[in-house]
């Protein structure tokens, strides 16, 4: 007789005690940067649906594997370290019927072009519809929690809308619905299920052991000036829009063939190569979109700096910091020091905004062109005057020399002006995220009592030692952005899907790579040298007999 999925899981008993504080000694799986909502678009609909299925398939395999393979038979603590849903990238929107049923979702002209804004009601709508497009992911994630594991959720910059309590509660209820489906299930109650899921507004911290934060606070393109109340100062019904959000909304969401994830370190030559690849017929459109983007950045930054509500937001953030201190047991001054270690958003500084919008460079180019044109025009006028007065004409070679001298002075002024502005703006403008995060981790190592500082955000897996005594390590766990092609034929499993494994007993963080060819974990450090096919058999790996996780076993 065929048994339903519901019947198959009825006898399952909860293998873990009721939820406990974060100090419970559980091994951790730390993942970051899924960007699930990136595929929630109407553009090229079939392509995005196929990519959604691919992402679900990889992460569901990851969850199923670890639900069946435990470290010392203890349940896992899965920490999703921000940028999970990527609500900034969502561009599909309610149908006209939905708008009639839900007047609170009324759309502006801009929203009809670029997608919903980020107030609480629209954040809830986006959470529901992203989850609907990723039903398999939600189902497997719910099943992972129901099998005794814990889920800790942090929000980064791409899913800062999860700040809204309504959005957090809705995501939890969607997981409850995915597992229980409105029915009772033996072995676990909905309240126990909910208790295993926790949201963290800033970081996940076990003193003396591990500090986990998304990392966007150390990137001035993506940081929030008020992390615990990340709202627009002049419109506190909406979440703040760092420069990276403005770039996504006003350029990436408008131009179908552009992904922002791998462009942080692009040089001018690479951008020119991309323009050639896109075709010169699109160059004018791209430049127009960039012009519109910089106008939006300048207007938004000016409104933020001039907002009279900034002191109020400062007070609210301080109040939330005090509450967090009481809940977490971390001293208020320590939290203030951690907050002070951030890179303040670009839009809070007039000079930094000038650097970003290249206002100084534009002014210098206009000044140089004006000077050259003035010299040429004055030469024509002098020639005319000499002709009318029968005077000796101004030598052409002299005029040419003056023009060349002006151009040379302009070229020399370019780096000088850049250096002076960098001095007054306290640093050059850089889009390279990795160095900023490494500096932020080093600053935190001087503030916090911890052995490990773990970030995401940059999408680049890195591990380095910050100090020797007492030992402290920085780990960036990379990302879970599914590559353009599935790595089924890569003999060395060079998948981009990376994550961290924290072993509580050894107080160690190990970088792992999810091998999409074998649906198995591979140590990140050795995945470039060792081929899984040369090791034990596939069946032996499935039994956990030679898995890179120490003492890994199937739960009984």
Protein backbone atom coordinates (compact mmCIF):
# COMPACT_ATOMS: atom_id res chain seq x y z
CA UNK A 1 0.00 0.00 0.00
CA UNK A 2 1.32 3.45 -0.91
CA UNK A 3 1.71 5.74 2.09
CA UNK A 4 1.41 9.51 1.85
CA UNK A 5 4.16 11.88 2.93
CA UNK A 6 1.98 12.84 5.90
CA UNK A 7 1.69 9.21 6.99
CA UNK A 8 5.39 8.60 6.53
CA UNK A 9 6.31 11.34 8.97
CA UNK A 10 3.65 10.68 11.64
CA UNK A 11 5.78 8.30 13.72
CA UNK A 12 8.67 10.77 13.75
CA UNK A 13 9.49 11.92 17.26
CA UNK A 14 11.29 15.13 17.89
CA UNK A 15 14.93 14.11 18.41
CA UNK A 16 15.82 17.27 20.31
CA UNK A 17 14.65 18.92 23.51
CA UNK A 18 12.66 22.16 23.34
CA UNK A 19 14.45 25.18 21.94
CA UNK A 20 17.15 26.67 24.12
CA UNK A 21 19.28 29.83 24.01
CA UNK A 22 21.98 30.28 21.40
CA UNK A 23 24.60 29.01 23.83
CA UNK A 24 23.28 25.46 23.48
CA UNK A 25 26.31 23.46 22.24
CA UNK A 26 25.12 22.62 18.74
CA UNK A 27 27.24 22.41 15.57
CA UNK A 28 26.39 25.14 13.07
CA UNK A 29 25.92 25.28 9.34
CA UNK A 30 26.42 28.91 8.25
CA UNK A 31 25.13 29.94 4.81
CA UNK A 32 24.80 33.37 3.26
CA UNK A 33 23.68 35.31 0.19
CA UNK A 34 21.09 33.12 -1.52
CA UNK A 35 19.44 36.08 -3.29
CA UNK A 36 16.30 34.02 -3.80
CA UNK A 37 14.22 37.04 -4.83
CA UNK A 38 16.59 37.79 -7.69
CA UNK A 39 14.56 35.34 -9.76
CA UNK A 40 11.21 36.88 -8.76
CA UNK A 41 10.88 38.89 -11.95
CA UNK A 42 8.55 39.04 -14.90
CA UNK A 43 11.42 39.76 -17.29
CA UNK A 44 12.36 36.66 -19.34
CA UNK A 45 9.90 34.71 -17.22
CA UNK A 46 10.87 31.19 -18.32
CA UNK A 47 14.57 31.85 -17.67
CA UNK A 48 13.90 33.06 -14.12
CA UNK A 49 11.55 30.18 -13.34
CA UNK A 50 14.22 27.70 -14.49
CA UNK A 51 16.88 29.40 -12.37
CA UNK A 52 14.52 29.30 -9.36
CA UNK A 53 14.11 25.54 -9.77
CA UNK A 54 17.89 25.13 -9.99
CA UNK A 55 18.49 27.08 -6.77
CA UNK A 56 15.80 25.07 -4.97
CA UNK A 57 17.27 21.80 -6.16
CA UNK A 58 20.76 22.55 -4.84
CA UNK A 59 19.68 23.85 -1.45
CA UNK A 60 17.09 21.13 -0.92
CA UNK A 61 19.80 18.52 -1.54
CA UNK A 62 22.01 20.32 0.98
CA UNK A 63 19.25 20.35 3.62
CA UNK A 64 18.26 16.74 3.06
CA UNK A 65 21.85 15.59 3.32
CA UNK A 66 22.54 17.38 6.58
CA UNK A 67 19.18 16.43 8.07
CA UNK A 68 20.30 12.81 7.61
CA UNK A 69 23.95 13.28 8.62
CA UNK A 70 24.73 14.78 11.99
CA UNK A 71 27.82 15.67 13.95
CA UNK A 72 27.92 13.44 17.06
CA UNK A 73 24.19 12.78 16.58
CA UNK A 74 23.34 16.33 17.64
CA UNK A 75 20.88 18.49 15.67
CA UNK A 76 22.23 21.30 13.55
CA UNK A 77 21.88 25.02 14.05
CA UNK A 78 21.45 26.48 10.56
CA UNK A 79 22.44 30.15 10.46
CA UNK A 80 21.33 31.97 7.32
CA UNK A 81 23.54 35.02 7.41
CA UNK A 82 21.56 37.58 5.41
CA UNK A 83 20.56 38.31 1.81
CA UNK A 84 18.37 35.21 1.84
CA UNK A 85 15.22 36.49 0.13
CA UNK A 86 16.70 39.53 -1.72
CA UNK A 87 13.50 41.55 -1.64
CA UNK A 88 15.27 44.49 -3.31
CA UNK A 89 15.50 42.58 -6.60
CA UNK A 90 11.81 41.59 -6.74
CA UNK A 91 10.11 43.30 -9.69
CA UNK A 92 6.88 41.38 -10.17
CA UNK A 93 3.83 42.96 -8.58
CA UNK A 94 0.22 42.35 -7.57
CA UNK A 95 -2.41 41.72 -10.20
CA UNK A 96 -5.28 44.14 -10.61
CA UNK A 97 -7.55 41.70 -8.72
CA UNK A 98 -5.14 41.62 -5.79
CA UNK A 99 -5.00 45.41 -5.74
CA UNK A 100 -8.78 45.54 -5.49
CA UNK A 101 -8.75 43.11 -2.54
CA UNK A 102 -5.80 44.83 -0.84
CA UNK A 103 -6.00 48.63 -1.21
CA UNK A 104 -2.94 49.00 1.07
CA UNK A 105 -0.89 47.73 -1.89
CA UNK A 106 -1.79 50.71 -4.07
CA UNK A 107 0.96 51.19 -6.67
CA UNK A 108 2.67 54.40 -7.67
CA UNK A 109 3.79 55.07 -11.23
CA UNK A 110 7.39 54.27 -10.29
CA UNK A 111 6.39 50.98 -8.63
CA UNK A 112 4.60 49.84 -11.77
CA UNK A 113 7.89 50.22 -13.63
CA UNK A 114 10.44 49.11 -11.01
CA UNK A 115 8.58 46.92 -8.53
CA UNK A 116 7.08 47.45 -5.09
CA UNK A 117 8.60 49.76 -2.53
CA UNK A 118 9.62 48.48 0.93
CA UNK A 119 6.98 49.46 3.48
CA UNK A 120 5.70 46.74 5.85
CA UNK A 121 2.63 45.71 3.83
CA UNK A 122 4.53 45.40 0.57
CA UNK A 123 7.39 43.56 2.28
CA UNK A 124 4.88 40.94 3.47
CA UNK A 125 3.48 40.62 -0.06
CA UNK A 126 6.98 40.08 -1.46
CA UNK A 127 7.80 37.46 1.18
CA UNK A 128 4.62 35.53 0.32
CA UNK A 129 5.18 35.59 -3.42
CA UNK A 130 8.90 34.80 -3.31
CA UNK A 131 8.03 31.83 -1.09
CA UNK A 132 5.34 30.78 -3.56
CA UNK A 133 7.88 30.68 -6.39
CA UNK A 134 10.21 28.58 -4.20
CA UNK A 135 7.81 26.03 -2.72
CA UNK A 136 10.36 23.21 -2.71
CA UNK A 137 12.90 25.30 -0.82
CA UNK A 138 10.31 26.32 1.78
CA UNK A 139 9.11 22.73 2.19
CA UNK A 140 12.57 21.28 2.70
CA UNK A 141 13.56 24.11 5.04
CA UNK A 142 10.42 23.49 7.12
CA UNK A 143 11.13 19.77 7.18
CA UNK A 144 14.72 20.47 8.28
CA UNK A 145 13.41 22.44 11.28
CA UNK A 146 10.78 19.83 12.11
CA UNK A 147 13.47 17.15 12.27
CA UNK A 148 14.91 18.79 15.38
CA UNK A 149 17.25 21.39 13.88
CA UNK A 150 17.31 25.10 14.72
CA UNK A 151 17.08 27.98 12.26
CA UNK A 152 18.66 31.39 12.95
CA UNK A 153 17.90 34.16 10.45
CA UNK A 154 19.82 37.40 10.06
CA UNK A 155 18.98 40.04 7.49
CA UNK A 156 21.57 41.71 5.31
CA UNK A 157 21.21 44.67 2.97
CA UNK A 158 19.25 42.92 0.21
CA UNK A 159 16.58 41.68 2.63
CA UNK A 160 16.60 44.55 5.14
CA UNK A 161 12.80 44.59 4.76
CA UNK A 162 12.81 41.64 7.14
CA UNK A 163 13.24 44.35 9.77
CA UNK A 164 9.44 44.60 9.77
CA UNK A 165 7.97 42.25 12.44
CA UNK A 166 5.07 41.53 10.06
CA UNK A 167 7.48 40.17 7.42
CA UNK A 168 9.32 38.02 9.99
CA UNK A 169 6.09 36.55 11.35
CA UNK A 170 4.77 35.88 7.87
CA UNK A 171 7.88 33.93 6.89
CA UNK A 172 7.61 31.80 10.04
CA UNK A 173 3.93 31.12 9.34
CA UNK A 174 4.72 30.13 5.76
CA UNK A 175 7.20 27.57 7.10
CA UNK A 176 4.57 26.31 9.55
CA UNK A 177 2.05 26.01 6.72
CA UNK A 178 4.61 24.22 4.53
CA UNK A 179 5.12 21.51 7.16
CA UNK A 180 1.77 21.15 8.91
CA UNK A 181 -0.55 22.16 6.10
CA UNK A 182 -3.29 22.97 8.62
CA UNK A 183 -3.16 19.45 10.08
CA UNK A 184 -1.75 18.03 13.30
CA UNK A 185 1.44 16.00 13.02
CA UNK A 186 2.52 13.51 15.65
CA UNK A 187 5.83 14.15 17.37
CA UNK A 188 5.90 17.94 17.12
CA UNK A 189 3.56 20.83 17.86
CA UNK A 190 3.43 24.09 15.87
CA UNK A 191 4.57 26.09 18.89
CA UNK A 192 7.64 23.91 19.32
CA UNK A 193 8.33 24.30 15.61
CA UNK A 194 8.08 28.10 15.84
CA UNK A 195 10.36 28.14 18.90
CA UNK A 196 13.18 26.64 16.82
CA UNK A 197 13.18 29.66 14.48
CA UNK A 198 14.70 32.97 15.56
CA UNK A 199 15.36 36.30 13.85
CA UNK A 200 18.37 38.42 14.79
CA UNK A 201 18.30 42.14 13.97
CA UNK A 202 22.06 42.57 13.71
CA UNK A 203 24.29 39.60 14.61
CA UNK A 204 24.43 36.13 16.14
CA UNK A 205 26.99 36.01 18.95
CA UNK A 206 28.20 33.34 21.37
CA UNK A 207 30.71 35.15 23.64
CA UNK A 208 34.19 33.69 23.57
CA UNK A 209 33.35 31.56 20.54
CA UNK A 210 31.78 33.01 17.41
CA UNK A 211 30.39 36.30 16.09
CA UNK A 212 28.31 36.13 12.90
CA UNK A 213 27.18 39.22 10.99
CA UNK A 214 26.22 39.71 7.36
CA UNK A 215 29.01 42.25 6.79
CA UNK A 216 27.26 44.99 4.83
CA UNK A 217 27.85 47.46 7.69
CA UNK A 218 31.52 47.60 6.68
CA UNK A 219 30.72 48.39 3.04
CA UNK A 220 29.83 52.07 2.60
CA UNK A 221 27.81 51.24 -0.54
CA UNK A 222 25.51 48.94 1.46
CA UNK A 223 25.57 49.99 5.13
CA UNK A 224 22.77 51.45 7.23
CA UNK A 225 23.45 54.43 9.46
CA UNK A 226 20.88 53.09 11.95
CA UNK A 227 21.28 49.31 11.85
CA UNK A 228 18.61 48.54 14.45
CA UNK A 229 16.11 51.00 12.92
CA UNK A 230 17.08 50.92 9.22
CA UNK A 231 14.52 53.45 8.01
CA UNK A 232 14.56 56.45 5.69
CA UNK A 233 14.93 59.47 8.00
CA UNK A 234 12.41 61.62 6.11
CA UNK A 235 9.94 58.74 5.49
CA UNK A 236 10.01 56.25 8.34
CA UNK A 237 7.32 54.05 6.80
CA UNK A 238 10.00 52.76 4.41
CA UNK A 239 13.33 50.98 4.81
CA UNK A 240 16.43 53.03 3.96
CA UNK A 241 17.98 52.76 0.51
CA UNK A 242 21.78 52.50 0.57
CA UNK A 243 23.55 53.31 -2.69
CA UNK A 244 23.67 49.62 -3.64
CA UNK A 245 19.85 49.49 -3.36
CA UNK A 246 19.50 52.57 -5.56
CA UNK A 247 21.82 50.98 -8.14
CA UNK A 248 19.71 47.80 -8.17
CA UNK A 249 16.39 49.62 -8.34
CA UNK A 250 17.24 52.31 -10.88
CA UNK A 251 19.69 50.43 -13.09
CA UNK A 252 19.85 46.66 -12.56
CA UNK A 253 16.06 46.24 -12.39
CA UNK A 254 15.71 48.31 -15.56
CA UNK A 255 18.40 46.59 -17.62
CA UNK A 256 17.69 42.92 -18.17
CA UNK A 257 21.20 41.69 -19.04
CA UNK A 258 23.11 42.96 -16.01
CA UNK A 259 23.86 41.14 -12.75
CA UNK A 260 25.47 43.19 -9.99
CA UNK A 261 27.06 40.36 -7.97
CA UNK A 262 30.42 40.08 -9.76
CA UNK A 263 31.02 43.71 -10.72
CA UNK A 264 32.62 45.04 -7.51
CA UNK A 265 36.19 44.83 -8.81
CA UNK A 266 35.57 45.62 -12.46
CA UNK A 267 38.00 48.01 -14.09
CA UNK A 268 37.17 50.62 -16.74
CA UNK A 269 38.49 48.20 -19.37
CA UNK A 270 36.05 45.51 -18.22
CA UNK A 271 33.11 47.92 -18.37
CA UNK A 272 34.14 48.95 -21.90
CA UNK A 273 34.33 45.26 -22.84
CA UNK A 274 30.84 44.73 -21.42
CA UNK A 275 29.50 47.66 -23.44
CA UNK A 276 31.00 46.20 -26.62
CA UNK A 277 29.47 42.83 -25.79
CA UNK A 278 26.06 44.41 -25.26
CA UNK A 279 26.31 46.21 -28.59
CA UNK A 280 26.91 49.84 -29.24
CA UNK A 281 23.23 50.32 -30.03
CA UNK A 282 22.54 49.83 -26.29
CA UNK A 283 25.25 52.24 -25.15
CA UNK A 284 23.01 55.30 -25.31
CA UNK A 285 20.32 53.55 -23.26
CA UNK A 286 22.87 52.41 -20.67
CA UNK A 287 24.33 55.91 -20.35
CA UNK A 288 20.82 57.35 -20.00
CA UNK A 289 20.04 54.87 -17.20
CA UNK A 290 23.31 55.75 -15.46
CA UNK A 291 22.45 59.43 -15.67
CA UNK A 292 19.03 58.77 -14.17
CA UNK A 293 20.64 56.65 -11.44
CA UNK A 294 23.09 59.36 -10.41
CA UNK A 295 20.28 61.92 -10.33
CA UNK A 296 18.34 59.63 -7.98
CA UNK A 297 21.40 59.05 -5.78
CA UNK A 298 22.10 62.77 -5.52
CA UNK A 299 18.47 63.66 -4.71
CA UNK A 300 18.11 60.87 -2.13
CA UNK A 301 21.43 61.66 -0.42
CA UNK A 302 20.57 65.35 -0.23
CA UNK A 303 17.16 64.58 1.30
CA UNK A 304 18.74 62.23 3.88
CA UNK A 305 21.35 64.77 4.98
CA UNK A 306 18.79 67.57 5.27
CA UNK A 307 16.15 65.50 7.08
CA UNK A 308 15.05 67.08 10.40
CA UNK A 309 14.08 63.59 11.65
CA UNK A 310 17.70 62.38 11.90
CA UNK A 311 18.02 63.12 15.66
CA UNK A 312 14.80 61.19 16.29
CA UNK A 313 16.15 58.19 14.39
CA UNK A 314 19.39 58.41 16.38
CA UNK A 315 17.36 58.21 19.61
CA UNK A 316 15.33 55.25 18.39
CA UNK A 317 18.44 53.37 17.35
CA UNK A 318 20.05 54.03 20.75
CA UNK A 319 16.93 52.74 22.53
CA UNK A 320 16.99 49.56 20.46
CA UNK A 321 20.68 49.15 21.20
CA UNK A 322 19.98 49.32 24.95
CA UNK A 323 17.20 46.72 24.60
CA UNK A 324 19.50 44.45 22.60
CA UNK A 325 22.16 44.81 25.28
CA UNK A 326 19.72 43.63 27.95
CA UNK A 327 18.50 40.69 25.85
CA UNK A 328 21.94 39.52 24.79
CA UNK A 329 23.90 40.27 27.95
CA UNK A 330 26.45 42.28 25.95
CA UNK A 331 27.56 45.55 27.54
CA UNK A 332 26.04 48.67 26.00
CA UNK A 333 29.45 50.25 25.41
CA UNK A 334 30.63 47.15 23.54
CA UNK A 335 27.63 47.40 21.22
CA UNK A 336 28.31 51.10 20.70
CA UNK A 337 31.91 50.31 19.80
CA UNK A 338 30.77 47.63 17.34
CA UNK A 339 28.33 50.11 15.81
CA UNK A 340 31.07 52.75 15.55
CA UNK A 341 33.28 50.29 13.63
CA UNK A 342 30.90 50.40 10.64
CA UNK A 343 31.59 52.26 7.41
CA UNK A 344 29.00 55.02 7.35
CA UNK A 345 26.78 55.05 4.24
CA UNK A 346 27.98 57.12 1.29
CA UNK A 347 24.76 59.12 1.23
CA UNK A 348 25.41 60.59 4.70
CA UNK A 349 28.46 62.53 3.44
CA UNK A 350 28.29 65.34 0.88
CA UNK A 351 31.89 64.79 -0.23
CA UNK A 352 31.46 61.01 -0.55
CA UNK A 353 28.35 61.57 -2.64
CA UNK A 354 30.38 63.92 -4.84
CA UNK A 355 32.95 61.17 -5.32
CA UNK A 356 30.25 58.66 -6.24
CA UNK A 357 28.41 60.90 -8.68
CA UNK A 358 31.77 62.12 -10.09
CA UNK A 359 30.60 65.71 -9.74
CA UNK A 360 34.20 66.85 -9.24
CA UNK A 361 35.39 65.00 -12.34
CA UNK A 362 32.51 66.36 -14.41
CA UNK A 363 33.23 69.91 -13.24
CA UNK A 364 36.93 69.52 -14.06
CA UNK A 365 36.20 68.20 -17.57
CA UNK A 366 33.71 71.03 -18.20
CA UNK A 367 36.22 73.59 -16.92
CA UNK A 368 38.96 72.16 -19.17
CA UNK A 369 36.70 72.11 -22.23
CA UNK A 370 35.56 75.67 -21.51
CA UNK A 371 39.17 76.83 -21.21
CA UNK A 372 40.17 75.20 -24.52
CA UNK A 373 37.11 76.60 -26.32
CA UNK A 374 37.77 80.04 -24.84
CA UNK A 375 41.35 79.98 -26.14
CA UNK A 376 40.19 78.94 -29.59
CA UNK A 377 37.43 81.57 -29.64
CA UNK A 378 39.76 84.30 -28.36
CA UNK A 379 42.24 83.37 -31.11
CA UNK A 380 39.57 83.87 -33.75
CA UNK A 381 38.61 87.25 -32.24
CA UNK A 382 42.26 88.36 -32.13
CA UNK A 383 42.71 87.39 -35.77
CA UNK A 384 39.61 89.36 -36.69
CA UNK A 385 40.80 92.39 -34.71
CA UNK A 386 44.27 92.17 -36.34
CA UNK A 387 42.68 92.02 -39.79
CA UNK A 388 40.46 95.04 -39.12
CA UNK A 389 43.27 97.11 -37.59
CA UNK A 390 46.00 95.93 -39.96
CA UNK A 391 47.98 94.78 -36.90
CA UNK A 392 50.29 91.77 -36.80
CA UNK A 393 48.16 88.59 -36.29
CA UNK A 394 48.59 86.41 -33.25
CA UNK A 395 50.79 83.49 -34.14
CA UNK A 396 48.97 80.16 -34.62
CA UNK A 397 51.85 78.28 -33.00
CA UNK A 398 51.47 80.39 -29.85
CA UNK A 399 47.74 79.68 -29.73
CA UNK A 400 48.39 75.95 -30.19
CA UNK A 401 51.00 76.04 -27.42
CA UNK A 402 48.50 77.69 -25.03
CA UNK A 403 45.86 75.06 -25.85
CA UNK A 404 48.32 72.23 -25.27
CA UNK A 405 49.48 73.82 -21.99
CA UNK A 406 45.86 74.06 -20.82
CA UNK A 407 45.23 70.41 -21.62
CA UNK A 408 48.44 69.35 -19.82
CA UNK A 409 47.41 71.38 -16.74
CA UNK A 410 43.99 69.70 -16.82
CA UNK A 411 45.57 66.24 -17.01
CA UNK A 412 47.87 67.06 -14.09
CA UNK A 413 44.98 68.52 -12.09
CA UNK A 414 42.96 65.27 -12.40
CA UNK A 415 45.00 63.13 -9.92
CA UNK A 416 45.69 66.17 -7.71
CA UNK A 417 42.00 66.96 -7.40
CA UNK A 418 41.22 63.27 -6.75
CA UNK A 419 43.82 63.14 -3.97
CA UNK A 420 42.62 66.37 -2.33
CA UNK A 421 38.99 65.25 -2.36
CA UNK A 422 40.01 61.87 -0.91
CA UNK A 423 41.79 63.68 1.95
CA UNK A 424 38.75 65.79 2.82
CA UNK A 425 36.35 62.85 2.29
CA UNK A 426 38.56 60.58 4.47
CA UNK A 427 39.49 58.08 1.83
CA UNK A 428 39.25 57.19 -1.83
CA UNK A 429 36.04 55.72 -3.15
CA UNK A 430 36.40 51.97 -3.66
CA UNK A 431 33.92 49.37 -4.86
CA UNK A 432 36.14 46.48 -3.70
CA UNK A 433 34.17 44.86 -0.86
CA UNK A 434 36.68 42.25 0.39
CA UNK A 435 39.29 44.65 1.88
CA UNK A 436 36.56 46.65 3.65
CA UNK A 437 35.20 43.52 5.31
CA UNK A 438 38.66 42.34 6.33
CA UNK A 439 39.33 45.72 7.97
CA UNK A 440 35.92 45.56 9.70
CA UNK A 441 36.69 42.09 11.04
CA UNK A 442 40.08 43.30 12.34
CA UNK A 443 38.36 46.19 14.15
CA UNK A 444 35.83 43.81 15.72
CA UNK A 445 38.62 41.50 16.88
CA UNK A 446 39.89 44.38 19.04
CA UNK A 447 36.43 44.95 20.54
CA UNK A 448 34.85 41.53 21.03
CA UNK A 449 35.73 38.48 23.07
CA UNK A 450 35.49 35.88 20.31
CA UNK A 451 37.53 33.23 18.51
CA UNK A 452 35.78 33.59 15.17
CA UNK A 453 34.30 36.47 13.17
CA UNK A 454 32.14 35.27 10.28
CA UNK A 455 30.81 37.47 7.46
CA UNK A 456 29.08 36.96 4.12
CA UNK A 457 28.16 39.82 1.77
CA UNK A 458 31.25 39.82 -0.48
CA UNK A 459 30.42 36.40 -2.07
CA UNK A 460 34.13 35.54 -1.85
CA UNK A 461 35.12 32.74 0.59
CA UNK A 462 38.15 33.74 2.64
CA UNK A 463 39.76 32.54 5.87
CA UNK A 464 42.61 34.29 7.68
CA UNK A 465 43.93 34.70 11.21
CA UNK A 466 43.35 38.12 12.77
CA UNK A 467 45.44 37.64 15.88
CA UNK A 468 47.55 34.93 17.49
CA UNK A 469 46.93 35.52 21.22
CA UNK A 470 44.17 34.96 22.03
CA UNK A 471 43.56 33.33 18.67
CA UNK A 472 40.88 34.91 16.48
CA UNK A 473 40.01 33.98 12.88
CA UNK A 474 38.12 35.81 10.15
CA UNK A 475 36.00 33.68 7.82
CA UNK A 476 33.94 34.86 4.91
CA UNK A 477 31.66 31.97 3.98
CA UNK A 478 31.05 33.12 0.41
CA UNK A 479 27.61 32.73 -1.10
CA UNK A 480 24.93 30.40 -2.40
CA UNK A 481 24.35 32.15 -5.72
CA UNK A 482 23.73 29.36 -8.22
CA UNK A 483 26.15 29.58 -11.16
CA UNK A 484 24.98 30.01 -14.73
CA UNK A 485 25.67 26.35 -15.45
CA UNK A 486 25.34 23.31 -13.24
CA UNK A 487 28.74 21.88 -12.30
CA UNK A 488 27.85 18.29 -13.20
CA UNK A 489 30.88 17.68 -15.40
CA UNK A 490 33.50 19.43 -13.31
CA UNK A 491 35.90 16.71 -12.10
CA UNK A 492 37.02 18.84 -9.14
CA UNK A 493 33.60 20.12 -7.98
CA UNK A 494 34.43 23.80 -8.39
CA UNK A 495 30.95 24.83 -7.32
CA UNK A 496 30.41 28.42 -6.15
CA UNK A 497 28.09 27.20 -3.37
CA UNK A 498 30.14 27.61 -0.20
CA UNK A 499 29.28 27.65 3.49
CA UNK A 500 30.84 27.35 6.94
CA UNK A 501 30.78 24.48 9.44
CA UNK A 502 31.26 25.45 13.08
CA UNK A 503 32.29 22.55 15.31
CA UNK A 504 31.31 23.46 18.87
CA UNK A 505 33.58 20.91 20.56
CA UNK A 506 36.71 22.06 18.73
CA UNK A 507 35.66 25.72 18.48
CA UNK A 508 36.61 25.71 14.80
CA UNK A 509 35.11 27.05 11.59
CA UNK A 510 35.77 25.05 8.42
CA UNK A 511 34.96 26.33 4.95
CA UNK A 512 32.98 23.83 2.88
CA UNK A 513 31.92 23.65 -0.75
CA UNK A 514 28.69 21.95 -1.81
CA UNK A 515 29.63 19.68 -4.71
CA UNK A 516 26.74 19.92 -7.16
CA UNK A 517 28.05 16.96 -9.12
CA UNK A 518 27.85 14.45 -6.27
CA UNK A 519 25.40 16.30 -3.96
CA UNK A 520 27.99 16.04 -1.19
CA UNK A 521 30.10 18.47 0.86
CA UNK A 522 33.78 18.89 0.01
CA UNK A 523 36.35 20.75 2.16
CA UNK A 524 36.89 24.10 0.47
CA UNK A 525 40.65 24.10 0.98
CA UNK A 526 41.15 20.70 -0.68
CA UNK A 527 38.41 20.82 -3.30
CA UNK A 528 40.82 22.26 -5.86
CA UNK A 529 43.26 19.40 -5.40
CA UNK A 530 41.20 16.33 -4.59
CA UNK A 531 38.64 14.70 -6.83
CA UNK A 532 35.77 13.11 -4.89
CA UNK A 533 35.65 10.33 -7.46
CA UNK A 534 39.16 9.26 -6.39
CA UNK A 535 38.10 8.78 -2.75
CA UNK A 536 35.67 6.31 -1.16
CA UNK A 537 32.62 5.08 -2.99
CA UNK A 538 29.47 7.14 -3.31
CA UNK A 539 27.59 4.79 -0.97
CA UNK A 540 30.30 5.09 1.69
CA UNK A 541 30.11 8.85 1.51
CA UNK A 542 26.36 8.74 1.90
CA UNK A 543 26.80 6.72 5.05
CA UNK A 544 29.06 9.44 6.40
CA UNK A 545 32.00 7.06 6.81
CA UNK A 546 34.54 9.39 5.23
CA UNK A 547 32.71 12.69 5.21
CA UNK A 548 34.87 15.75 5.86
CA UNK A 549 32.70 16.54 8.90
CA UNK A 550 34.29 14.77 11.85
CA UNK A 551 32.19 12.11 13.61
CA UNK A 552 29.33 12.54 11.14
CA UNK A 553 26.55 9.99 11.54
CA UNK A 554 22.98 9.43 10.47
CA UNK A 555 20.54 10.16 13.32
CA UNK A 556 19.00 7.08 14.86
